[in-house]
């Protein structure tokens, strides 16, 4: 990303600005009416820090396997397909 065009993201959990680094910023894509046909669904994207999401989730932090260094990026998956 071009630093001159970098957007400011605000964490939905803590309200602080999210600085790029590590896995941040994270985007949470919410799909309402997920059990309905696509045309009836609504979507919205929220942003957060990975640590804020992990600390507020009721699931164990180990479920966030995205933190695993061997978890492939989208580009790596596409290259290996």
C-alpha atoms as a PDB file:
ATOM      1  CA  UNK A   1       0.000   0.000   0.000  1.00  0.00           C
ATOM      2  CA  UNK A   2       1.261   3.442  -0.866  1.00  0.00           C
ATOM      3  CA  UNK A   3       1.884   5.293   2.456  1.00  0.00           C
ATOM      4  CA  UNK A   4       0.584   8.524   0.941  1.00  0.00           C
ATOM      5  CA  UNK A   5      -2.756   6.806   0.316  1.00  0.00           C
ATOM      6  CA  UNK A   6      -2.910   4.848   3.587  1.00  0.00           C
ATOM      7  CA  UNK A   7      -6.324   5.034   5.207  1.00  0.00           C
ATOM      8  CA  UNK A   8      -6.965   5.545   8.883  1.00  0.00           C
ATOM      9  CA  UNK A   9      -8.832   2.627  10.387  1.00  0.00           C
ATOM     10  CA  UNK A  10     -10.537   2.724  13.776  1.00  0.00           C
ATOM     11  CA  UNK A  11     -10.931  -0.425  15.873  1.00  0.00           C
ATOM     12  CA  UNK A  12     -14.567  -1.364  16.467  1.00  0.00           C
ATOM     13  CA  UNK A  13     -13.625  -2.783  19.879  1.00  0.00           C
ATOM     14  CA  UNK A  14     -11.278  -0.239  21.495  1.00  0.00           C
ATOM     15  CA  UNK A  15     -11.936   2.826  19.330  1.00  0.00           C
ATOM     16  CA  UNK A  16      -8.237   3.485  18.772  1.00  0.00           C
ATOM     17  CA  UNK A  17      -6.584   4.076  15.395  1.00  0.00           C
ATOM     18  CA  UNK A  18      -5.154   0.913  13.861  1.00  0.00           C
ATOM     19  CA  UNK A  19      -1.571   1.231  12.720  1.00  0.00           C
ATOM     20  CA  UNK A  20      -0.406  -1.126   9.993  1.00  0.00           C
ATOM     21  CA  UNK A  21       1.865  -3.902  11.197  1.00  0.00           C
ATOM     22  CA  UNK A  22       1.777  -7.608  11.856  1.00  0.00           C
ATOM     23  CA  UNK A  23      -1.750  -8.704  10.967  1.00  0.00           C
ATOM     24  CA  UNK A  24      -3.280  -5.258  11.528  1.00  0.00           C
ATOM     25  CA  UNK A  25      -5.499  -3.789  10.313  1.00  0.00           C
ATOM     26  CA  UNK A  26      -8.046  -6.614  10.302  1.00  0.00           C
ATOM     27  CA  UNK A  27     -11.373  -6.388   8.485  1.00  0.00           C
ATOM     28  CA  UNK A  28     -14.461  -8.102   9.850  1.00  0.00           C
ATOM     29  CA  UNK A  29     -16.983  -8.689   7.115  1.00  0.00           C
ATOM     30  CA  UNK A  30     -20.476  -9.008   8.604  1.00  0.00           C
ATOM     31  CA  UNK A  31     -23.146 -10.751   6.569  1.00  0.00           C
ATOM     32  CA  UNK A  32     -26.675 -10.383   7.932  1.00  0.00           C
ATOM     33  CA  UNK A  33     -29.354 -12.926   7.001  1.00  0.00           C
ATOM     34  CA  UNK A  34     -26.564 -15.394   6.186  1.00  0.00           C
ATOM     35  CA  UNK A  35     -29.108 -18.220   6.024  1.00  0.00           C
ATOM     36  CA  UNK A  36     -31.133 -16.377   3.385  1.00  0.00           C
ATOM     37  CA  UNK A  37     -30.613 -16.159  -0.397  1.00  0.00           C
ATOM     38  CA  UNK A  38     -27.745 -13.853  -1.400  1.00  0.00           C
ATOM     39  CA  UNK A  39     -30.097 -11.170  -2.748  1.00  0.00           C
ATOM     40  CA  UNK A  40     -31.736 -10.842   0.709  1.00  0.00           C
ATOM     41  CA  UNK A  41     -28.483 -10.471   2.617  1.00  0.00           C
ATOM     42  CA  UNK A  42     -26.901  -7.266   3.877  1.00  0.00           C
ATOM     43  CA  UNK A  43     -23.163  -6.722   4.331  1.00  0.00           C
ATOM     44  CA  UNK A  44     -20.964  -4.327   6.253  1.00  0.00           C
ATOM     45  CA  UNK A  45     -17.225  -4.263   6.974  1.00  0.00           C
ATOM     46  CA  UNK A  46     -15.730  -3.283  10.338  1.00  0.00           C
ATOM     47  CA  UNK A  47     -12.060  -2.937  11.284  1.00  0.00           C
ATOM     48  CA  UNK A  48     -10.182  -4.024  14.380  1.00  0.00           C
ATOM     49  CA  UNK A  49      -6.862  -4.930  15.948  1.00  0.00           C
ATOM     50  CA  UNK A  50      -6.222  -8.691  15.919  1.00  0.00           C
ATOM     51  CA  UNK A  51      -5.458  -8.549  19.669  1.00  0.00           C
ATOM     52  CA  UNK A  52      -8.743  -6.773  20.411  1.00  0.00           C
ATOM     53  CA  UNK A  53     -10.691  -9.401  18.512  1.00  0.00           C
ATOM     54  CA  UNK A  54      -8.865 -12.260  20.242  1.00  0.00           C
ATOM     55  CA  UNK A  55      -9.311 -10.759  23.699  1.00  0.00           C
ATOM     56  CA  UNK A  56     -13.024 -10.135  23.255  1.00  0.00           C
ATOM     57  CA  UNK A  57     -13.965 -13.400  21.552  1.00  0.00           C
ATOM     58  CA  UNK A  58     -15.556 -16.069  23.703  1.00  0.00           C
ATOM     59  CA  UNK A  59     -13.568 -18.733  21.853  1.00  0.00           C
ATOM     60  CA  UNK A  60     -10.061 -19.752  22.855  1.00  0.00           C
ATOM     61  CA  UNK A  61      -7.250 -17.646  21.273  1.00  0.00           C
ATOM     62  CA  UNK A  62      -5.912 -20.831  19.636  1.00  0.00           C
ATOM     63  CA  UNK A  63      -8.939 -20.806  17.329  1.00  0.00           C
ATOM     64  CA  UNK A  64      -7.399 -17.824  15.572  1.00  0.00           C
ATOM     65  CA  UNK A  65      -5.089 -19.980  13.456  1.00  0.00           C
ATOM     66  CA  UNK A  66      -4.502 -16.953  11.227  1.00  0.00           C
ATOM     67  CA  UNK A  67      -1.728 -16.112  13.721  1.00  0.00           C
ATOM     68  CA  UNK A  68       0.148 -19.315  12.819  1.00  0.00           C
ATOM     69  CA  UNK A  69       3.295 -18.352  10.866  1.00  0.00           C
ATOM     70  CA  UNK A  70       2.637 -21.270   8.474  1.00  0.00           C
ATOM     71  CA  UNK A  71      -0.914 -20.121   7.698  1.00  0.00           C
ATOM     72  CA  UNK A  72      -0.710 -19.115   4.010  1.00  0.00           C
ATOM     73  CA  UNK A  73      -1.523 -15.694   2.633  1.00  0.00           C
ATOM     74  CA  UNK A  74      -4.127 -15.356  -0.113  1.00  0.00           C
ATOM     75  CA  UNK A  75      -1.285 -14.928  -2.621  1.00  0.00           C
ATOM     76  CA  UNK A  76       0.394 -18.146  -1.474  1.00  0.00           C
ATOM     77  CA  UNK A  77      -2.868 -20.086  -1.811  1.00  0.00           C
ATOM     78  CA  UNK A  78      -3.446 -18.705  -5.325  1.00  0.00           C
ATOM     79  CA  UNK A  79       0.130 -19.569  -6.368  1.00  0.00           C
ATOM     80  CA  UNK A  80      -0.255 -23.148  -5.154  1.00  0.00           C
ATOM     81  CA  UNK A  81      -3.644 -23.688  -6.831  1.00  0.00           C
END
